[in-house]
Amino acid sequence: MLIHFPESKYIFQVRDPRDMALSWKKSPVHAGGVIHAARQWKKDQTNFLKNHCLLEQQGKSLLVKYEELISDAPRVLRDICRFLSIPYDPGMLNYHEDELTNINSGKQEAWANLSRSVMGDNKEKFRRELTDLEIRCIEKICCHEMMYFGYEPLSSAEDRADLTEDKMAELEREERNIARQITDGVRKNMEAKKVFYEKILD
């Protein structure tokens, strides 16, 4: 990709895996539950870090934490604009008022929030909506990457060590039994992500 688009720049966004897994669990279109989501998050970040570290050295990659974006959108957006060498316009935060954005928000349930302004409180919902066991599973799978990004585990190292792979495999089997319909849009998004990771450093 760098060969074909040598001037391109990349913005990578990361979100707390516990909130990501909760969103995945509640989605009617994603297969599996929090364990599958946590494994996918870990895989995504592994690929992301491999690419980001190389691209960042060339001034071509910017990391944006989701929680910082929604908590202080103007500052983060200014950083993004500076990185892209484009002028910042406060009207950028009025994206939800755009007619096309509102049309697109109705095309998939996962896109419904596009028609809303930045949801500054849309974080740490996992504390209320996931069980202690679910949180511990996510933290066991994602612990190293979480710590790298500054997401502190709630469970202790001893509690995570006590959670056996057999127990997590049993829970994952139970999650897979929850039937969900994966839409063409979600499937194409997953396929595009796979191609992106494979081609970005070509």
C-alpha atoms as a PDB file:
ATOM      1  CA  MET A   1       0.000   0.000   0.000  1.00  0.00           C
ATOM      2  CA  LEU A   2       2.848   2.388   0.758  1.00  0.00           C
ATOM      3  CA  ILE A   3       4.265   1.662  -2.685  1.00  0.00           C
ATOM      4  CA  HIS A   4       1.026   2.682  -4.357  1.00  0.00           C
ATOM      5  CA  PHE A   5       0.165   5.541  -1.960  1.00  0.00           C
ATOM      6  CA  PRO A   6       3.506   6.836  -0.635  1.00  0.00           C
ATOM      7  CA  GLU A   7       1.985  10.080   0.695  1.00  0.00           C
ATOM      8  CA  SER A   8      -0.785   8.358   2.638  1.00  0.00           C
ATOM      9  CA  LYS A   9      -1.197   8.708   6.400  1.00  0.00           C
ATOM     10  CA  TYR A  10      -3.005   6.415   8.824  1.00  0.00           C
ATOM     11  CA  ILE A  11      -5.085   7.041  11.908  1.00  0.00           C
ATOM     12  CA  PHE A  12      -5.472   4.041  14.200  1.00  0.00           C
ATOM     13  CA  GLN A  13      -8.156   4.102  16.879  1.00  0.00           C
ATOM     14  CA  VAL A  14      -8.208   1.854  19.916  1.00  0.00           C
ATOM     15  CA  ARG A  15     -10.979   1.348  22.459  1.00  0.00           C
ATOM     16  CA  ASP A  16     -11.053  -0.335  25.861  1.00  0.00           C
ATOM     17  CA  PRO A  17     -11.540  -4.038  24.994  1.00  0.00           C
ATOM     18  CA  ARG A  18     -14.070  -4.466  27.779  1.00  0.00           C
ATOM     19  CA  ASP A  19     -16.384  -1.865  26.267  1.00  0.00           C
ATOM     20  CA  MET A  20     -15.675  -3.189  22.792  1.00  0.00           C
ATOM     21  CA  ALA A  21     -16.601  -6.700  23.957  1.00  0.00           C
ATOM     22  CA  LEU A  22     -19.791  -5.413  25.580  1.00  0.00           C
ATOM     23  CA  SER A  23     -20.774  -3.704  22.331  1.00  0.00           C
ATOM     24  CA  TRP A  24     -20.020  -6.928  20.442  1.00  0.00           C
ATOM     25  CA  LYS A  25     -22.075  -8.969  22.902  1.00  0.00           C
ATOM     26  CA  LYS A  26     -25.087  -6.670  22.507  1.00  0.00           C
ATOM     27  CA  SER A  27     -24.861  -6.537  18.727  1.00  0.00           C
ATOM     28  CA  PRO A  28     -27.338  -8.714  16.828  1.00  0.00           C
ATOM     29  CA  VAL A  29     -24.915  -9.168  13.929  1.00  0.00           C
ATOM     30  CA  HIS A  30     -21.608 -10.244  15.530  1.00  0.00           C
ATOM     31  CA  ALA A  31     -21.045 -13.931  16.084  1.00  0.00           C
ATOM     32  CA  GLY A  32     -20.032 -15.135  19.537  1.00  0.00           C
ATOM     33  CA  GLY A  33     -19.709 -13.128  22.722  1.00  0.00           C
ATOM     34  CA  VAL A  34     -17.147 -11.376  24.895  1.00  0.00           C
ATOM     35  CA  ILE A  35     -14.439 -14.035  24.618  1.00  0.00           C
ATOM     36  CA  HIS A  36     -14.587 -14.087  20.835  1.00  0.00           C
ATOM     37  CA  ALA A  37     -14.623 -10.279  20.875  1.00  0.00           C
ATOM     38  CA  ALA A  38     -11.595 -10.151  23.185  1.00  0.00           C
ATOM     39  CA  ARG A  39      -9.642 -12.507  20.949  1.00  0.00           C
ATOM     40  CA  GLN A  40     -10.520 -10.364  17.932  1.00  0.00           C
ATOM     41  CA  TRP A  41      -9.469  -7.185  19.784  1.00  0.00           C
ATOM     42  CA  LYS A  42      -6.137  -8.748  20.689  1.00  0.00           C
ATOM     43  CA  LYS A  43      -5.570  -9.856  17.096  1.00  0.00           C
ATOM     44  CA  ASP A  44      -6.445  -6.381  15.807  1.00  0.00           C
ATOM     45  CA  GLN A  45      -4.064  -4.647  18.206  1.00  0.00           C
ATOM     46  CA  THR A  46      -1.236  -7.073  17.450  1.00  0.00           C
ATOM     47  CA  ASN A  47      -1.542  -6.235  13.761  1.00  0.00           C
ATOM     48  CA  PHE A  48      -2.063  -2.568  14.527  1.00  0.00           C
ATOM     49  CA  LEU A  49       1.060  -2.241  16.671  1.00  0.00           C
ATOM     50  CA  LYS A  50       3.193  -4.000  14.093  1.00  0.00           C
ATOM     51  CA  ASN A  51       2.103  -1.518  11.438  1.00  0.00           C
ATOM     52  CA  HIS A  52       1.815   1.572  13.645  1.00  0.00           C
ATOM     53  CA  CYS A  53       5.326   1.382  15.082  1.00  0.00           C
ATOM     54  CA  LEU A  54       6.857   1.253  11.615  1.00  0.00           C
ATOM     55  CA  LEU A  55       4.605   3.933  10.133  1.00  0.00           C
ATOM     56  CA  GLU A  56       4.959   6.240  13.141  1.00  0.00           C
ATOM     57  CA  GLN A  57       8.712   6.409  12.578  1.00  0.00           C
ATOM     58  CA  GLN A  58       7.939   7.829   9.138  1.00  0.00           C
ATOM     59  CA  GLY A  59       5.413  10.339  10.493  1.00  0.00           C
ATOM     60  CA  LYS A  60       2.605   8.441   8.811  1.00  0.00           C
ATOM     61  CA  SER A  61       0.623   7.044  11.739  1.00  0.00           C
ATOM     62  CA  LEU A  62      -1.349   8.593  14.588  1.00  0.00           C
ATOM     63  CA  LEU A  63      -2.855   6.699  17.524  1.00  0.00           C
ATOM     64  CA  VAL A  64      -6.206   7.937  18.807  1.00  0.00           C
ATOM     65  CA  LYS A  65      -7.815   6.498  21.922  1.00  0.00           C
ATOM     66  CA  TYR A  66     -11.590   6.352  21.635  1.00  0.00           C
ATOM     67  CA  GLU A  67     -12.066   7.483  25.228  1.00  0.00           C
ATOM     68  CA  GLU A  68      -9.991  10.611  24.667  1.00  0.00           C
ATOM     69  CA  LEU A  69     -11.809  11.376  21.428  1.00  0.00           C
ATOM     70  CA  ILE A  70     -15.261  11.364  23.015  1.00  0.00           C
ATOM     71  CA  SER A  71     -14.114  13.100  26.207  1.00  0.00           C
ATOM     72  CA  ASP A  72     -12.277  15.959  24.508  1.00  0.00           C
ATOM     73  CA  ALA A  73     -13.329  15.853  20.863  1.00  0.00           C
ATOM     74  CA  PRO A  74     -12.157  19.381  19.863  1.00  0.00           C
ATOM     75  CA  ARG A  75      -8.607  18.821  21.155  1.00  0.00           C
ATOM     76  CA  VAL A  76      -8.257  15.370  19.604  1.00  0.00           C
ATOM     77  CA  LEU A  77      -9.750  16.555  16.338  1.00  0.00           C
ATOM     78  CA  ARG A  78      -7.253  19.421  16.245  1.00  0.00           C
ATOM     79  CA  ASP A  79      -4.454  16.882  16.728  1.00  0.00           C
ATOM     80  CA  ILE A  80      -5.832  14.829  13.852  1.00  0.00           C
ATOM     81  CA  CYS A  81      -6.075  17.867  11.587  1.00  0.00           C
ATOM     82  CA  ARG A  82      -2.523  18.886  12.480  1.00  0.00           C
ATOM     83  CA  PHE A  83      -1.326  15.372  11.670  1.00  0.00           C
ATOM     84  CA  LEU A  84      -3.123  15.484   8.302  1.00  0.00           C
ATOM     85  CA  SER A  85      -1.982  19.060   7.615  1.00  0.00           C
ATOM     86  CA  ILE A  86      -5.519  20.301   7.113  1.00  0.00           C
ATOM     87  CA  PRO A  87      -7.253  23.237   8.829  1.00  0.00           C
ATOM     88  CA  TYR A  88      -9.442  22.562  11.822  1.00  0.00           C
ATOM     89  CA  ASP A  89     -13.056  23.672  11.563  1.00  0.00           C
ATOM     90  CA  PRO A  90     -15.404  23.471  14.591  1.00  0.00           C
ATOM     91  CA  GLY A  91     -18.146  22.549  12.124  1.00  0.00           C
ATOM     92  CA  MET A  92     -16.493  19.150  11.763  1.00  0.00           C
ATOM     93  CA  LEU A  93     -18.200  18.190  15.016  1.00  0.00           C
ATOM     94  CA  ASN A  94     -21.596  18.804  13.398  1.00  0.00           C
ATOM     95  CA  TYR A  95     -21.224  15.698  11.216  1.00  0.00           C
ATOM     96  CA  HIS A  96     -24.473  14.310  12.628  1.00  0.00           C
ATOM     97  CA  GLU A  97     -26.423  17.133  11.011  1.00  0.00           C
ATOM     98  CA  ASP A  98     -25.335  16.113   7.508  1.00  0.00           C
ATOM     99  CA  GLU A  99     -28.102  14.656   5.352  1.00  0.00           C
ATOM    100  CA  LEU A 100     -25.983  11.845   3.911  1.00  0.00           C
ATOM    101  CA  THR A 101     -24.743  10.889   7.380  1.00  0.00           C
ATOM    102  CA  ASN A 102     -28.313  10.556   8.584  1.00  0.00           C
ATOM    103  CA  ILE A 103     -29.207   8.431   5.579  1.00  0.00           C
ATOM    104  CA  ASN A 104     -26.252   6.129   6.215  1.00  0.00           C
ATOM    105  CA  SER A 105     -27.111   5.858   9.907  1.00  0.00           C
ATOM    106  CA  GLY A 106     -30.270   4.001   8.964  1.00  0.00           C
ATOM    107  CA  LYS A 107     -28.579   1.415   6.770  1.00  0.00           C
ATOM    108  CA  GLN A 108     -27.187  -0.722   9.593  1.00  0.00           C
ATOM    109  CA  GLU A 109     -28.046  -0.962  13.253  1.00  0.00           C
ATOM    110  CA  ALA A 110     -24.329  -0.685  14.063  1.00  0.00           C
ATOM    111  CA  TRP A 111     -24.272   2.729  12.355  1.00  0.00           C
ATOM    112  CA  ALA A 112     -27.273   4.185  14.188  1.00  0.00           C
ATOM    113  CA  ASN A 113     -25.158   6.472  16.374  1.00  0.00           C
ATOM    114  CA  LEU A 114     -23.823   8.312  13.323  1.00  0.00           C
ATOM    115  CA  SER A 115     -26.900  10.519  13.535  1.00  0.00           C
ATOM    116  CA  ARG A 116     -26.014  11.581  17.084  1.00  0.00           C
ATOM    117  CA  SER A 117     -23.455  14.058  18.345  1.00  0.00           C
ATOM    118  CA  VAL A 118     -20.321  12.812  20.118  1.00  0.00           C
ATOM    119  CA  MET A 119     -21.390  10.713  23.113  1.00  0.00           C
ATOM    120  CA  GLY A 120     -18.970  11.921  25.766  1.00  0.00           C
ATOM    121  CA  ASP A 121     -20.124   9.408  28.375  1.00  0.00           C
ATOM    122  CA  ASN A 122     -19.990   6.323  26.151  1.00  0.00           C
ATOM    123  CA  LYS A 123     -17.270   4.556  28.135  1.00  0.00           C
ATOM    124  CA  GLU A 124     -16.783   2.152  31.045  1.00  0.00           C
ATOM    125  CA  LYS A 125     -20.277   0.726  30.592  1.00  0.00           C
ATOM    126  CA  PHE A 126     -18.708  -2.692  31.035  1.00  0.00           C
ATOM    127  CA  ARG A 127     -18.491  -2.000  34.777  1.00  0.00           C
ATOM    128  CA  ARG A 128     -22.289  -2.147  34.990  1.00  0.00           C
ATOM    129  CA  GLU A 129     -23.193  -4.523  32.189  1.00  0.00           C
ATOM    130  CA  LEU A 130     -20.593  -7.293  32.180  1.00  0.00           C
ATOM    131  CA  THR A 131     -20.216  -9.924  34.868  1.00  0.00           C
ATOM    132  CA  ASP A 132     -17.030 -10.185  36.924  1.00  0.00           C
ATOM    133  CA  LEU A 133     -16.241 -13.435  35.108  1.00  0.00           C
ATOM    134  CA  GLU A 134     -16.669 -11.835  31.678  1.00  0.00           C
ATOM    135  CA  ILE A 135     -14.408  -8.951  32.656  1.00  0.00           C
ATOM    136  CA  ARG A 136     -11.802 -11.342  34.000  1.00  0.00           C
ATOM    137  CA  CYS A 137     -11.862 -13.370  30.762  1.00  0.00           C
ATOM    138  CA  ILE A 138     -11.333 -10.262  28.647  1.00  0.00           C
ATOM    139  CA  GLU A 139      -8.525  -9.053  30.874  1.00  0.00           C
ATOM    140  CA  LYS A 140      -6.792 -12.433  30.785  1.00  0.00           C
ATOM    141  CA  ILE A 141      -6.841 -12.482  26.982  1.00  0.00           C
ATOM    142  CA  CYS A 142      -5.966  -8.816  26.436  1.00  0.00           C
ATOM    143  CA  CYS A 143      -3.888  -7.935  29.489  1.00  0.00           C
ATOM    144  CA  HIS A 144      -0.557  -7.142  27.810  1.00  0.00           C
ATOM    145  CA  GLU A 145      -2.084  -4.953  25.102  1.00  0.00           C
ATOM    146  CA  MET A 146      -4.392  -3.280  27.629  1.00  0.00           C
ATOM    147  CA  MET A 147      -1.446  -2.279  29.772  1.00  0.00           C
ATOM    148  CA  TYR A 148       0.403  -0.927  26.737  1.00  0.00           C
ATOM    149  CA  PHE A 149      -2.527   1.354  25.901  1.00  0.00           C
ATOM    150  CA  GLY A 150      -3.089   2.371  29.517  1.00  0.00           C
ATOM    151  CA  TYR A 151      -6.254   0.369  30.249  1.00  0.00           C
ATOM    152  CA  GLU A 152      -5.858  -0.870  33.815  1.00  0.00           C
ATOM    153  CA  PRO A 153      -7.284  -4.339  34.588  1.00  0.00           C
ATOM    154  CA  LEU A 154      -9.796  -4.600  37.424  1.00  0.00           C
ATOM    155  CA  SER A 155      -8.773  -8.168  38.223  1.00  0.00           C
ATOM    156  CA  SER A 156      -5.563  -9.163  39.934  1.00  0.00           C
ATOM    157  CA  ALA A 157      -2.834 -11.175  38.236  1.00  0.00           C
ATOM    158  CA  GLU A 158      -3.669 -14.053  40.599  1.00  0.00           C
ATOM    159  CA  ASP A 159      -7.362 -14.004  39.637  1.00  0.00           C
ATOM    160  CA  ARG A 160      -6.467 -14.059  35.941  1.00  0.00           C
ATOM    161  CA  ALA A 161      -4.022 -16.901  36.474  1.00  0.00           C
ATOM    162  CA  ASP A 162      -6.734 -18.915  38.229  1.00  0.00           C
ATOM    163  CA  LEU A 163      -8.948 -18.658  35.150  1.00  0.00           C
ATOM    164  CA  THR A 164      -8.048 -21.759  33.179  1.00  0.00           C
ATOM    165  CA  GLU A 165      -8.061 -22.102  29.411  1.00  0.00           C
ATOM    166  CA  ASP A 166     -10.528 -24.979  29.797  1.00  0.00           C
ATOM    167  CA  LYS A 167     -12.983 -22.718  31.610  1.00  0.00           C
ATOM    168  CA  MET A 168     -12.669 -20.021  28.958  1.00  0.00           C
ATOM    169  CA  ALA A 169     -13.088 -22.596  26.184  1.00  0.00           C
ATOM    170  CA  GLU A 170     -16.269 -23.797  27.883  1.00  0.00           C
ATOM    171  CA  LEU A 171     -17.608 -20.242  28.083  1.00  0.00           C
ATOM    172  CA  GLU A 172     -16.673 -19.589  24.469  1.00  0.00           C
ATOM    173  CA  ARG A 173     -18.604 -22.684  23.367  1.00  0.00           C
ATOM    174  CA  GLU A 174     -21.643 -21.388  25.204  1.00  0.00           C
ATOM    175  CA  GLU A 175     -21.275 -18.024  23.485  1.00  0.00           C
ATOM    176  CA  ARG A 176     -21.083 -19.642  20.053  1.00  0.00           C
ATOM    177  CA  ASN A 177     -24.463 -21.243  20.653  1.00  0.00           C
ATOM    178  CA  ILE A 178     -26.062 -17.808  20.614  1.00  0.00           C
ATOM    179  CA  ALA A 179     -27.362 -17.486  17.076  1.00  0.00           C
ATOM    180  CA  ARG A 180     -26.700 -14.187  15.306  1.00  0.00           C
ATOM    181  CA  GLN A 181     -27.146 -13.174  11.720  1.00  0.00           C
ATOM    182  CA  ILE A 182     -24.008 -11.615  10.234  1.00  0.00           C
ATOM    183  CA  THR A 183     -25.047  -9.094   7.598  1.00  0.00           C
ATOM    184  CA  ASP A 184     -23.294  -8.586   4.281  1.00  0.00           C
ATOM    185  CA  GLY A 185     -22.126  -5.173   5.503  1.00  0.00           C
ATOM    186  CA  VAL A 186     -20.404  -6.636   8.556  1.00  0.00           C
ATOM    187  CA  ARG A 187     -18.902  -9.485   6.533  1.00  0.00           C
ATOM    188  CA  LYS A 188     -17.505  -7.085   3.920  1.00  0.00           C
ATOM    189  CA  ASN A 189     -16.082  -4.879   6.683  1.00  0.00           C
ATOM    190  CA  MET A 190     -14.286  -7.866   8.195  1.00  0.00           C
ATOM    191  CA  GLU A 191     -12.948  -8.915   4.787  1.00  0.00           C
ATOM    192  CA  ALA A 192     -11.727  -5.374   4.059  1.00  0.00           C
ATOM    193  CA  LYS A 193      -9.948  -5.247   7.427  1.00  0.00           C
ATOM    194  CA  LYS A 194      -8.158  -8.508   6.664  1.00  0.00           C
ATOM    195  CA  VAL A 195      -7.001  -7.226   3.277  1.00  0.00           C
ATOM    196  CA  PHE A 196      -5.885  -3.941   4.864  1.00  0.00           C
ATOM    197  CA  TYR A 197      -3.656  -5.691   7.371  1.00  0.00           C
ATOM    198  CA  GLU A 198      -2.166  -7.895   4.654  1.00  0.00           C
ATOM    199  CA  LYS A 199      -1.484  -5.112   2.177  1.00  0.00           C
ATOM    200  CA  ILE A 200      -0.613  -2.065   4.284  1.00  0.00           C
ATOM    201  CA  LEU A 201       3.118  -2.764   4.292  1.00  0.00           C
ATOM    202  CA  ASP A 202       3.402  -4.129   0.750  1.00  0.00           C
END
